[in-house]
């Protein structure tokens, strides 16, 4: 298999050879000799992170990843997924951090089956966000604490690195999603971002609303990214970000990266990412994806491979091929030693039958286990659903109880206030023309008394305050020749 160049697949109609610096047309023959790779958008992938003890065997890690993806990440047990994982070392920790990826088999088939029919196989299908790993391994940039932000038509994300080590990906809205939300055509949005960005000074007065909407959406994105970086600080002991790269086909978005200053990144270097001088605008990010695939082919790093179209092994390396070679060798020997050959062939046939019988038994046991696992997952999902319904009912009961308790307390409050008010009014021979409850703790009374007995209202207020009411005050006073009317507000 050729590894100094790889076949990078964008879609059915766009497949190119890539040597680490530039794309070239694919040859008409011997295409299958090249390592082939493609990417899958982050929107099609479910991810989940967890810790595992260092040096855990690959088999145990695979089993744990599948279990956790179904149990903790909420995968549907009735749906078939391709699940793979990436191990991220943790400093001064007995555990590694495992980031697992799951893609529905049906989604992979829908996106890649036509390509696989043409190419016969696809060696690697990987999350595009991992491609920045290649920049450090091919020594295109030095290792620092970096944040990459990519805006693509159908896939956008922010990717965090600590000293050149991949840490995490945060999915953000794609340009198509943003264009729809902003009510703009995709190309109009791209042109607006390149020429004006989020810089209010570059917009005309008539474009104020458009500028405001663009600023608002991209401010939300920067806030989400900042929160993602903050979330990873504790897990990976990430103290700061040295550089923030904008990956937008080597184009700048005016004032976008300066929005990070509001979140404490004033000292971070901010720049556009422009690595491939020989690659045209529109293909630069594909070149980054292809560079990552080239590094995988050259075994520079491991990959979370989501492909379901693996290359078929060379016949001689398969069990069938090896058995055929043994059979041919036995026939050759048989021409010289017929009896010996027959005996050896009988032994091989017996061994073959025995192995086939064991394989059949294992397949039967495996199938039963798979059926049992699906049943258990179905039962678990039902229990989860039942639990959710019970919790919902309990919440309803709690709300009813709280309402009743509040109602009872309001009744008690009103009764107390009425009792205290009537008692003191009776003591001072005061009359009320109107009494109104604003709520359970507030009452307004319109008190009527003779003008020469108006001091009794002051005594009424004083006694209520002495009983511990938080506020008793005269809100309004009216009088005529003989009578004095006072509106008194009382609050428990």
Protein backbone atom coordinates (compact mmCIF):
# COMPACT_ATOMS: atom_id res chain seq x y z
CA UNK A 1 0.00 0.00 0.00
CA UNK A 2 1.35 3.41 -1.02
CA UNK A 3 1.74 5.77 1.97
CA UNK A 4 3.81 8.70 0.67
CA UNK A 5 0.57 9.85 -0.95
CA UNK A 6 -3.00 9.18 0.13
CA UNK A 7 -6.33 9.25 -1.65
CA UNK A 8 -8.51 11.86 0.03
CA UNK A 9 -12.24 11.60 -0.65
CA UNK A 10 -14.42 14.70 -0.37
CA UNK A 11 -17.43 13.15 -2.11
CA UNK A 12 -18.25 10.88 -5.05
CA UNK A 13 -17.08 13.43 -7.61
CA UNK A 14 -14.10 14.88 -5.75
CA UNK A 15 -11.25 12.50 -4.97
CA UNK A 16 -7.62 13.64 -5.02
CA UNK A 17 -4.15 12.37 -4.25
CA UNK A 18 -2.36 14.33 -1.53
CA UNK A 19 1.37 14.25 -0.70
CA UNK A 20 1.40 16.62 2.27
CA UNK A 21 1.73 19.79 0.21
CA UNK A 22 -0.69 19.74 -2.69
CA UNK A 23 -3.56 17.90 -4.35
CA UNK A 24 -3.15 16.12 -7.68
CA UNK A 25 -5.56 14.28 -9.93
CA UNK A 26 -6.17 10.61 -9.27
CA UNK A 27 -4.71 8.10 -11.73
CA UNK A 28 -7.04 6.02 -13.85
CA UNK A 29 -5.44 2.79 -12.65
CA UNK A 30 -4.04 1.37 -9.41
CA UNK A 31 -6.28 3.64 -7.35
CA UNK A 32 -6.85 0.87 -4.78
CA UNK A 33 -3.15 0.79 -3.93
CA UNK A 34 -3.42 4.13 -2.11
CA UNK A 35 -4.49 4.54 1.49
CA UNK A 36 -7.93 6.19 1.26
CA UNK A 37 -9.68 8.42 3.79
CA UNK A 38 -12.61 10.78 4.28
CA UNK A 39 -14.16 12.82 7.10
CA UNK A 40 -17.55 12.83 8.77
CA UNK A 41 -19.21 16.02 10.11
CA UNK A 42 -19.38 16.43 13.87
CA UNK A 43 -23.18 16.77 13.62
CA UNK A 44 -23.36 13.08 12.64
CA UNK A 45 -21.25 11.88 15.58
CA UNK A 46 -22.23 11.32 19.23
CA UNK A 47 -19.31 11.82 21.62
CA UNK A 48 -18.83 10.91 25.27
CA UNK A 49 -15.83 11.24 27.58
CA UNK A 50 -14.83 9.19 30.62
CA UNK A 51 -11.75 8.08 32.57
CA UNK A 52 -10.09 4.65 32.51
CA UNK A 53 -7.03 3.27 34.29
CA UNK A 54 -3.84 3.63 32.29
CA UNK A 55 -2.66 0.56 30.37
CA UNK A 56 -6.18 -0.88 30.13
CA UNK A 57 -6.21 -3.53 27.40
CA UNK A 58 -7.66 -2.62 24.02
CA UNK A 59 -10.32 -5.32 24.36
CA UNK A 60 -11.50 -4.08 27.78
CA UNK A 61 -11.45 -0.47 26.60
CA UNK A 62 -13.59 -1.37 23.58
CA UNK A 63 -16.15 -3.14 25.79
CA UNK A 64 -16.23 -0.28 28.33
CA UNK A 65 -16.59 2.33 25.60
CA UNK A 66 -19.58 0.53 24.09
CA UNK A 67 -21.25 0.03 27.48
CA UNK A 68 -20.77 3.66 28.52
CA UNK A 69 -21.96 5.01 25.18
CA UNK A 70 -25.23 3.09 25.55
CA UNK A 71 -25.70 3.62 29.28
CA UNK A 72 -24.33 7.13 29.82
CA UNK A 73 -24.49 8.79 26.39
CA UNK A 74 -28.01 7.50 25.75
CA UNK A 75 -27.52 5.56 22.51
CA UNK A 76 -30.61 3.70 21.32
CA UNK A 77 -30.09 -0.02 22.00
CA UNK A 78 -32.18 -0.89 18.94
CA UNK A 79 -29.85 1.05 16.60
CA UNK A 80 -26.52 -0.23 15.26
CA UNK A 81 -23.56 2.09 15.79
CA UNK A 82 -19.89 2.19 14.83
CA UNK A 83 -18.10 3.00 18.10
CA UNK A 84 -14.41 3.90 18.40
CA UNK A 85 -12.32 5.75 20.97
CA UNK A 86 -9.31 8.02 21.33
CA UNK A 87 -7.07 7.82 24.41
CA UNK A 88 -5.86 11.16 25.81
CA UNK A 89 -3.12 10.92 28.51
CA UNK A 90 -3.69 12.83 31.76
CA UNK A 91 -0.72 14.34 33.61
CA UNK A 92 -0.07 13.13 37.17
CA UNK A 93 -3.14 10.90 37.10
CA UNK A 94 -3.52 7.14 37.26
CA UNK A 95 -6.22 7.38 34.58
CA UNK A 96 -6.38 8.27 30.92
CA UNK A 97 -9.21 10.31 29.47
CA UNK A 98 -11.17 8.39 26.84
CA UNK A 99 -13.16 10.22 24.18
CA UNK A 100 -15.53 7.84 22.41
CA UNK A 101 -17.30 8.43 19.11
CA UNK A 102 -20.47 6.75 17.84
CA UNK A 103 -22.03 7.04 14.38
CA UNK A 104 -25.17 5.27 13.23
CA UNK A 105 -24.36 2.58 10.67
CA UNK A 106 -27.30 3.78 8.55
CA UNK A 107 -25.80 7.29 8.39
CA UNK A 108 -22.41 5.92 7.32
CA UNK A 109 -24.09 3.79 4.65
CA UNK A 110 -26.14 6.69 3.34
CA UNK A 111 -23.11 8.96 3.09
CA UNK A 112 -20.42 6.54 1.88
CA UNK A 113 -21.94 3.44 0.28
CA UNK A 114 -21.83 4.84 -3.28
CA UNK A 115 -18.18 5.81 -2.80
CA UNK A 116 -17.39 2.36 -1.40
CA UNK A 117 -18.98 0.73 -4.46
CA UNK A 118 -16.63 2.69 -6.70
CA UNK A 119 -13.49 2.44 -4.54
CA UNK A 120 -14.16 -1.02 -3.06
CA UNK A 121 -12.99 0.23 0.35
CA UNK A 122 -12.38 3.33 2.48
CA UNK A 123 -9.49 2.81 4.90
CA UNK A 124 -10.42 5.61 7.29
CA UNK A 125 -13.41 7.79 8.10
CA UNK A 126 -12.67 10.17 10.96
CA UNK A 127 -14.05 13.24 12.79
CA UNK A 128 -12.75 16.25 10.87
CA UNK A 129 -12.00 18.16 14.06
CA UNK A 130 -9.09 15.82 14.87
CA UNK A 131 -7.17 17.06 11.80
CA UNK A 132 -5.30 19.78 13.72
CA UNK A 133 -3.26 17.00 15.37
CA UNK A 134 -1.30 16.75 12.12
CA UNK A 135 -0.02 20.34 12.37
CA UNK A 136 2.16 19.39 15.34
CA UNK A 137 3.26 15.95 14.11
CA UNK A 138 4.36 17.33 10.73
CA UNK A 139 6.04 20.23 12.62
CA UNK A 140 4.07 22.94 10.80
CA UNK A 141 3.54 24.77 14.11
CA UNK A 142 5.28 24.41 17.49
CA UNK A 143 3.54 22.78 20.43
CA UNK A 144 1.62 25.22 22.63
CA UNK A 145 -1.74 25.60 24.30
CA UNK A 146 -3.88 26.37 21.28
CA UNK A 147 -7.51 26.95 20.36
CA UNK A 148 -8.60 26.43 16.74
CA UNK A 149 -11.95 27.76 15.49
CA UNK A 150 -13.22 26.46 12.17
CA UNK A 151 -16.25 27.75 10.28
CA UNK A 152 -17.42 25.49 7.47
CA UNK A 153 -20.54 25.34 5.32
CA UNK A 154 -21.89 22.19 7.01
CA UNK A 155 -19.51 21.65 9.95
CA UNK A 156 -18.06 24.14 12.43
CA UNK A 157 -16.19 23.50 15.68
CA UNK A 158 -13.64 24.72 18.18
CA UNK A 159 -10.75 22.39 19.07
CA UNK A 160 -8.54 22.69 22.17
CA UNK A 161 -4.92 21.54 22.52
CA UNK A 162 -2.58 21.51 25.50
CA UNK A 163 1.10 21.61 24.55
CA UNK A 164 0.27 20.07 21.17
CA UNK A 165 -1.91 17.32 22.72
CA UNK A 166 -5.52 17.12 21.61
CA UNK A 167 -7.96 17.73 24.50
CA UNK A 168 -11.48 18.32 23.23
CA UNK A 169 -13.86 19.49 20.50
CA UNK A 170 -16.80 21.85 20.92
CA UNK A 171 -19.36 21.85 18.11
CA UNK A 172 -20.65 25.29 17.07
CA UNK A 173 -23.28 26.34 14.46
CA UNK A 174 -22.26 25.78 10.83
CA UNK A 175 -22.36 28.63 8.32
CA UNK A 176 -25.50 27.15 6.74
CA UNK A 177 -27.20 27.13 10.15
CA UNK A 178 -26.10 30.72 10.82
CA UNK A 179 -27.24 31.86 7.36
CA UNK A 180 -30.69 30.38 7.97
CA UNK A 181 -30.96 31.97 11.41
CA UNK A 182 -29.84 35.37 10.12
CA UNK A 183 -32.11 35.17 7.05
CA UNK A 184 -29.18 35.44 4.62
CA UNK A 185 -27.91 33.44 1.66
CA UNK A 186 -24.80 31.41 2.47
CA UNK A 187 -22.54 33.31 0.06
CA UNK A 188 -23.88 36.65 1.29
CA UNK A 189 -23.06 35.65 4.87
CA UNK A 190 -19.53 34.55 3.88
CA UNK A 191 -18.90 37.82 2.06
CA UNK A 192 -20.28 39.80 5.02
CA UNK A 193 -18.00 37.96 7.45
CA UNK A 194 -14.91 38.48 5.28
CA UNK A 195 -15.51 42.16 4.51
CA UNK A 196 -17.18 43.38 7.72
CA UNK A 197 -17.14 40.62 10.32
CA UNK A 198 -18.36 41.89 13.69
CA UNK A 199 -16.72 45.32 13.33
CA UNK A 200 -19.56 47.86 13.68
CA UNK A 201 -17.44 50.57 12.02
CA UNK A 202 -17.44 48.64 8.72
CA UNK A 203 -21.25 48.59 8.43
CA UNK A 204 -23.34 51.36 6.90
CA UNK A 205 -25.96 53.10 9.05
CA UNK A 206 -28.67 51.33 7.05
CA UNK A 207 -27.12 47.99 8.01
CA UNK A 208 -27.46 48.51 11.75
CA UNK A 209 -29.95 45.67 12.28
CA UNK A 210 -27.87 43.25 10.22
CA UNK A 211 -24.72 44.23 12.12
CA UNK A 212 -26.52 43.80 15.45
CA UNK A 213 -27.79 40.32 14.52
CA UNK A 214 -24.36 39.17 13.31
CA UNK A 215 -22.66 40.50 16.45
CA UNK A 216 -25.22 38.81 18.69
CA UNK A 217 -24.88 35.35 17.05
CA UNK A 218 -21.09 35.36 17.01
CA UNK A 219 -20.90 36.71 20.56
CA UNK A 220 -22.95 33.67 21.64
CA UNK A 221 -20.52 31.39 19.80
CA UNK A 222 -17.47 32.94 21.47
CA UNK A 223 -19.20 32.62 24.85
CA UNK A 224 -19.91 28.91 24.25
CA UNK A 225 -16.29 28.31 23.25
CA UNK A 226 -14.99 30.15 26.33
CA UNK A 227 -17.22 28.04 28.58
CA UNK A 228 -15.91 24.87 26.88
CA UNK A 229 -12.30 25.92 27.54
CA UNK A 230 -13.17 26.69 31.15
CA UNK A 231 -14.80 23.28 31.57
CA UNK A 232 -11.60 21.54 30.44
CA UNK A 233 -9.30 23.53 32.72
CA UNK A 234 -9.87 21.26 35.72
CA UNK A 235 -9.75 17.94 33.89
CA UNK A 236 -6.58 18.66 31.92
CA UNK A 237 -4.98 21.33 34.17
CA UNK A 238 -5.10 23.84 31.32
CA UNK A 239 -3.81 27.07 32.84
CA UNK A 240 -3.97 29.39 29.81
CA UNK A 241 -4.39 29.61 26.03
CA UNK A 242 -1.29 30.79 24.16
CA UNK A 243 -2.78 31.14 20.68
CA UNK A 244 -6.23 31.35 19.10
CA UNK A 245 -6.37 30.42 15.41
CA UNK A 246 -9.25 31.26 13.08
CA UNK A 247 -9.55 28.55 10.42
CA UNK A 248 -11.77 30.12 7.76
CA UNK A 249 -9.98 29.27 4.50
CA UNK A 250 -7.10 31.60 5.50
CA UNK A 251 -9.58 34.52 5.66
CA UNK A 252 -10.02 36.90 8.59
CA UNK A 253 -13.34 37.85 10.20
CA UNK A 254 -12.75 41.45 11.39
CA UNK A 255 -12.90 41.89 15.18
CA UNK A 256 -14.14 38.31 15.79
CA UNK A 257 -11.15 37.05 17.80
CA UNK A 258 -11.03 40.28 19.81
CA UNK A 259 -14.35 39.21 21.37
CA UNK A 260 -12.30 36.73 23.43
CA UNK A 261 -10.78 39.66 25.34
CA UNK A 262 -14.00 39.94 27.34
CA UNK A 263 -13.38 36.42 28.68
CA UNK A 264 -9.81 36.93 29.89
CA UNK A 265 -7.82 36.13 26.74
CA UNK A 266 -6.25 39.57 26.22
CA UNK A 267 -2.73 38.08 26.21
CA UNK A 268 -3.48 35.23 23.79
CA UNK A 269 -2.00 35.62 20.31
CA UNK A 270 -4.83 35.78 17.76
CA UNK A 271 -4.28 34.99 14.08
CA UNK A 272 -5.76 33.36 11.00
CA UNK A 273 -4.58 29.85 10.09
CA UNK A 274 -2.87 29.69 6.70
CA UNK A 275 -0.65 26.63 6.28
CA UNK A 276 -0.83 25.45 2.68
CA UNK A 277 0.54 28.10 0.31
CA UNK A 278 0.04 25.90 -2.77
CA UNK A 279 -3.60 25.12 -2.04
CA UNK A 280 -6.41 27.26 -3.43
CA UNK A 281 -8.95 29.07 -1.26
CA UNK A 282 -11.82 26.67 -0.67
CA UNK A 283 -9.54 23.64 -0.43
CA UNK A 284 -7.25 24.60 2.44
CA UNK A 285 -9.30 22.93 5.16
CA UNK A 286 -9.64 19.79 3.02
CA UNK A 287 -5.84 19.83 2.77
CA UNK A 288 -5.64 19.85 6.58
CA UNK A 289 -8.00 16.83 6.71
CA UNK A 290 -5.89 15.06 4.07
CA UNK A 291 -2.67 15.81 5.99
CA UNK A 292 -4.14 14.12 9.05
CA UNK A 293 -5.04 11.06 6.95
CA UNK A 294 -1.49 10.99 5.57
CA UNK A 295 -0.12 10.91 9.12
CA UNK A 296 -2.45 8.02 9.97
CA UNK A 297 -1.27 6.08 6.89
CA UNK A 298 2.33 6.68 8.01
CA UNK A 299 1.44 5.55 11.57
CA UNK A 300 2.40 8.87 13.16
CA UNK A 301 -0.61 8.69 15.51
CA UNK A 302 -3.70 6.62 16.25
CA UNK A 303 -7.12 7.37 14.83
CA UNK A 304 -10.74 7.07 15.95
CA UNK A 305 -11.69 5.23 12.76
CA UNK A 306 -15.42 5.24 11.95
CA UNK A 307 -15.15 3.33 8.68
CA UNK A 308 -17.31 0.29 7.96
CA UNK A 309 -15.64 -0.25 4.58
CA UNK A 310 -12.30 -1.70 5.64
CA UNK A 311 -9.79 -2.91 3.06
CA UNK A 312 -10.00 -6.66 2.58
CA UNK A 313 -6.76 -8.39 3.66
CA UNK A 314 -4.47 -9.96 1.07
CA UNK A 315 -5.63 -13.50 0.39
CA UNK A 316 -2.42 -15.17 1.57
CA UNK A 317 -2.82 -13.44 4.96
CA UNK A 318 -6.35 -14.72 5.50
CA UNK A 319 -7.22 -18.02 7.19
CA UNK A 320 -8.65 -19.29 3.92
CA UNK A 321 -5.49 -18.33 2.05
CA UNK A 322 -3.25 -19.96 4.62
CA UNK A 323 -5.37 -23.11 4.59
CA UNK A 324 -5.24 -23.20 0.78
CA UNK A 325 -1.44 -22.87 0.83
CA UNK A 326 -1.20 -25.70 3.33
CA UNK A 327 -3.50 -27.77 1.15
CA UNK A 328 -1.41 -27.10 -1.97
CA UNK A 329 1.78 -27.94 -0.10
CA UNK A 330 0.19 -31.15 1.13
CA UNK A 331 -0.76 -32.08 -2.44
CA UNK A 332 2.81 -31.46 -3.53
CA UNK A 333 4.14 -33.71 -0.79
CA UNK A 334 1.46 -36.23 -1.60
CA UNK A 335 2.89 -36.68 -5.06
CA UNK A 336 6.03 -38.06 -3.41
CA UNK A 337 4.56 -39.52 -0.25
CA UNK A 338 0.91 -40.41 -1.08
CA UNK A 339 0.10 -42.27 2.11
CA UNK A 340 1.67 -39.62 4.36
CA UNK A 341 -0.14 -36.88 2.48
CA UNK A 342 -3.49 -38.59 2.82
CA UNK A 343 -3.00 -38.96 6.57
CA UNK A 344 -1.96 -35.32 6.93
CA UNK A 345 -4.90 -34.19 4.84
CA UNK A 346 -7.23 -36.22 7.02
CA UNK A 347 -5.75 -34.57 10.11
CA UNK A 348 -6.12 -31.14 8.57
CA UNK A 349 -9.69 -31.87 7.52
CA UNK A 350 -10.54 -33.07 11.04
CA UNK A 351 -8.89 -29.96 12.51
CA UNK A 352 -10.72 -27.75 10.00
CA UNK A 353 -14.06 -29.36 10.85
CA UNK A 354 -13.33 -29.03 14.56
CA UNK A 355 -12.45 -25.34 14.17
CA UNK A 356 -15.55 -24.70 12.07
CA UNK A 357 -17.67 -26.41 14.73
CA UNK A 358 -16.12 -24.22 17.43
CA UNK A 359 -16.68 -21.09 15.33
CA UNK A 360 -20.33 -22.09 14.80
CA UNK A 361 -20.82 -22.61 18.54
CA UNK A 362 -19.18 -19.28 19.33
CA UNK A 363 -21.34 -17.51 16.74
CA UNK A 364 -24.44 -19.12 18.26
CA UNK A 365 -23.42 -18.09 21.80
CA UNK A 366 -22.55 -14.58 20.60
CA UNK A 367 -25.90 -14.20 18.88
CA UNK A 368 -27.75 -15.30 22.03
CA UNK A 369 -25.71 -12.85 24.09
CA UNK A 370 -26.51 -10.05 21.63
CA UNK A 371 -30.22 -10.87 21.78
CA UNK A 372 -30.08 -10.97 25.58
CA UNK A 373 -28.19 -7.67 25.66
CA UNK A 374 -30.84 -6.02 23.47
CA UNK A 375 -33.58 -7.36 25.75
CA UNK A 376 -31.75 -6.06 28.84
CA UNK A 377 -31.25 -2.68 27.21
CA UNK A 378 -34.94 -2.60 26.27
CA UNK A 379 -35.90 -3.45 29.87
CA UNK A 380 -33.48 -0.80 31.13
CA UNK A 381 -34.96 1.81 28.79
CA UNK A 382 -38.48 0.88 29.99
CA UNK A 383 -37.37 1.25 33.62
CA UNK A 384 -35.85 4.63 32.81
CA UNK A 385 -39.11 5.69 31.16
CA UNK A 386 -41.16 4.43 34.13
CA UNK A 387 -38.80 6.22 36.52
CA UNK A 388 -39.18 9.44 34.53
CA UNK A 389 -42.99 9.19 34.69
CA UNK A 390 -42.91 8.56 38.46
CA UNK A 391 -40.57 11.53 38.99
CA UNK A 392 -42.93 13.69 36.92
CA UNK A 393 -45.89 12.58 39.06
CA UNK A 394 -43.94 13.22 42.27
CA UNK A 395 -43.01 16.67 41.03
CA UNK A 396 -46.69 17.32 40.39
CA UNK A 397 -47.61 16.16 43.89
CA UNK A 398 -44.87 18.30 45.39
CA UNK A 399 -46.16 21.32 43.52
CA UNK A 400 -49.71 20.62 44.73
CA UNK A 401 -48.47 20.23 48.31
CA UNK A 402 -46.47 23.45 48.08
CA UNK A 403 -49.52 25.25 46.70
CA UNK A 404 -51.69 23.94 49.53
CA UNK A 405 -49.09 24.88 52.11
CA UNK A 406 -48.82 28.37 50.65
CA UNK A 407 -52.60 28.66 50.58
CA UNK A 408 -52.86 27.61 54.22
CA UNK A 409 -50.14 30.02 55.23
CA UNK A 410 -51.84 32.86 53.35
CA UNK A 411 -55.12 32.09 55.14
CA UNK A 412 -53.35 32.11 58.53
CA UNK A 413 -51.63 35.40 57.68
CA UNK A 414 -54.90 37.04 56.71
CA UNK A 415 -56.70 35.77 59.79
CA UNK A 416 -53.96 37.11 62.06
CA UNK A 417 -53.97 40.51 60.41
CA UNK A 418 -57.78 40.75 60.59
CA UNK A 419 -57.74 39.76 64.24
CA UNK A 420 -55.03 42.28 65.18
CA UNK A 421 -56.58 45.12 63.15
CA UNK A 422 -60.10 44.60 64.49
CA UNK A 423 -58.85 44.31 68.07
CA UNK A 424 -56.91 47.58 67.99
CA UNK A 425 -59.59 49.44 66.03
CA UNK A 426 -62.14 48.36 68.64
CA UNK A 427 -59.80 49.56 71.42
CA UNK A 428 -59.67 53.06 69.94
CA UNK A 429 -63.27 53.11 68.67
CA UNK A 430 -62.11 53.48 65.07
CA UNK A 431 -64.31 52.69 62.08
CA UNK A 432 -63.27 51.43 58.66
CA UNK A 433 -64.97 52.43 55.45
CA UNK A 434 -63.05 50.00 53.25
CA UNK A 435 -60.54 47.17 53.76
CA UNK A 436 -58.54 45.63 50.89
CA UNK A 437 -55.94 42.81 50.80
CA UNK A 438 -53.26 43.39 48.14
CA UNK A 439 -51.82 39.93 48.85
CA UNK A 440 -51.49 37.58 51.84
CA UNK A 441 -49.16 39.99 53.66
CA UNK A 442 -50.49 43.43 52.71
CA UNK A 443 -53.77 45.13 53.69
CA UNK A 444 -54.97 48.70 53.13
CA UNK A 445 -57.64 50.13 55.52
CA UNK A 446 -59.63 53.33 55.04
CA UNK A 447 -60.16 54.53 58.66
CA UNK A 448 -62.76 57.18 59.55
CA UNK A 449 -62.70 59.16 62.80
CA UNK A 450 -63.70 62.55 64.10
CA UNK A 451 -61.15 65.23 63.40
CA UNK A 452 -60.47 65.93 67.07
CA UNK A 453 -59.78 62.18 67.62
CA UNK A 454 -57.30 61.79 64.76
CA UNK A 455 -54.46 61.03 67.19
CA UNK A 456 -56.13 57.67 67.76
CA UNK A 457 -54.97 56.65 64.28
CA UNK A 458 -51.38 57.34 65.30
CA UNK A 459 -51.86 55.12 68.35
CA UNK A 460 -53.41 52.44 66.10
CA UNK A 461 -50.29 52.50 63.89
CA UNK A 462 -47.95 52.46 66.90
CA UNK A 463 -49.59 49.35 68.42
CA UNK A 464 -49.42 47.45 65.12
CA UNK A 465 -45.71 48.21 64.83
CA UNK A 466 -45.26 46.99 68.38
CA UNK A 467 -46.85 43.69 67.37
CA UNK A 468 -44.04 43.16 64.88
CA UNK A 469 -45.56 44.27 61.59
CA UNK A 470 -42.79 45.18 59.15
CA UNK A 471 -44.49 48.26 57.77
CA UNK A 472 -47.45 50.35 58.94
CA UNK A 473 -47.82 53.74 57.30
CA UNK A 474 -50.36 56.33 56.25
CA UNK A 475 -50.55 56.34 52.49
CA UNK A 476 -53.18 59.04 52.05
CA UNK A 477 -55.14 61.47 54.26
CA UNK A 478 -58.44 63.18 53.52
CA UNK A 479 -60.57 65.44 55.77
CA UNK A 480 -63.58 67.71 55.88
CA UNK A 481 -64.96 69.90 58.62
CA UNK A 482 -65.95 67.07 60.96
CA UNK A 483 -64.29 63.86 59.80
CA UNK A 484 -60.77 62.65 59.23
CA UNK A 485 -60.11 59.80 56.71
CA UNK A 486 -56.78 58.03 56.64
CA UNK A 487 -55.65 55.23 54.28
CA UNK A 488 -53.30 52.98 56.31
CA UNK A 489 -51.09 50.34 54.62
CA UNK A 490 -50.15 47.40 56.83
CA UNK A 491 -47.60 44.76 55.84
CA UNK A 492 -46.93 41.60 57.87
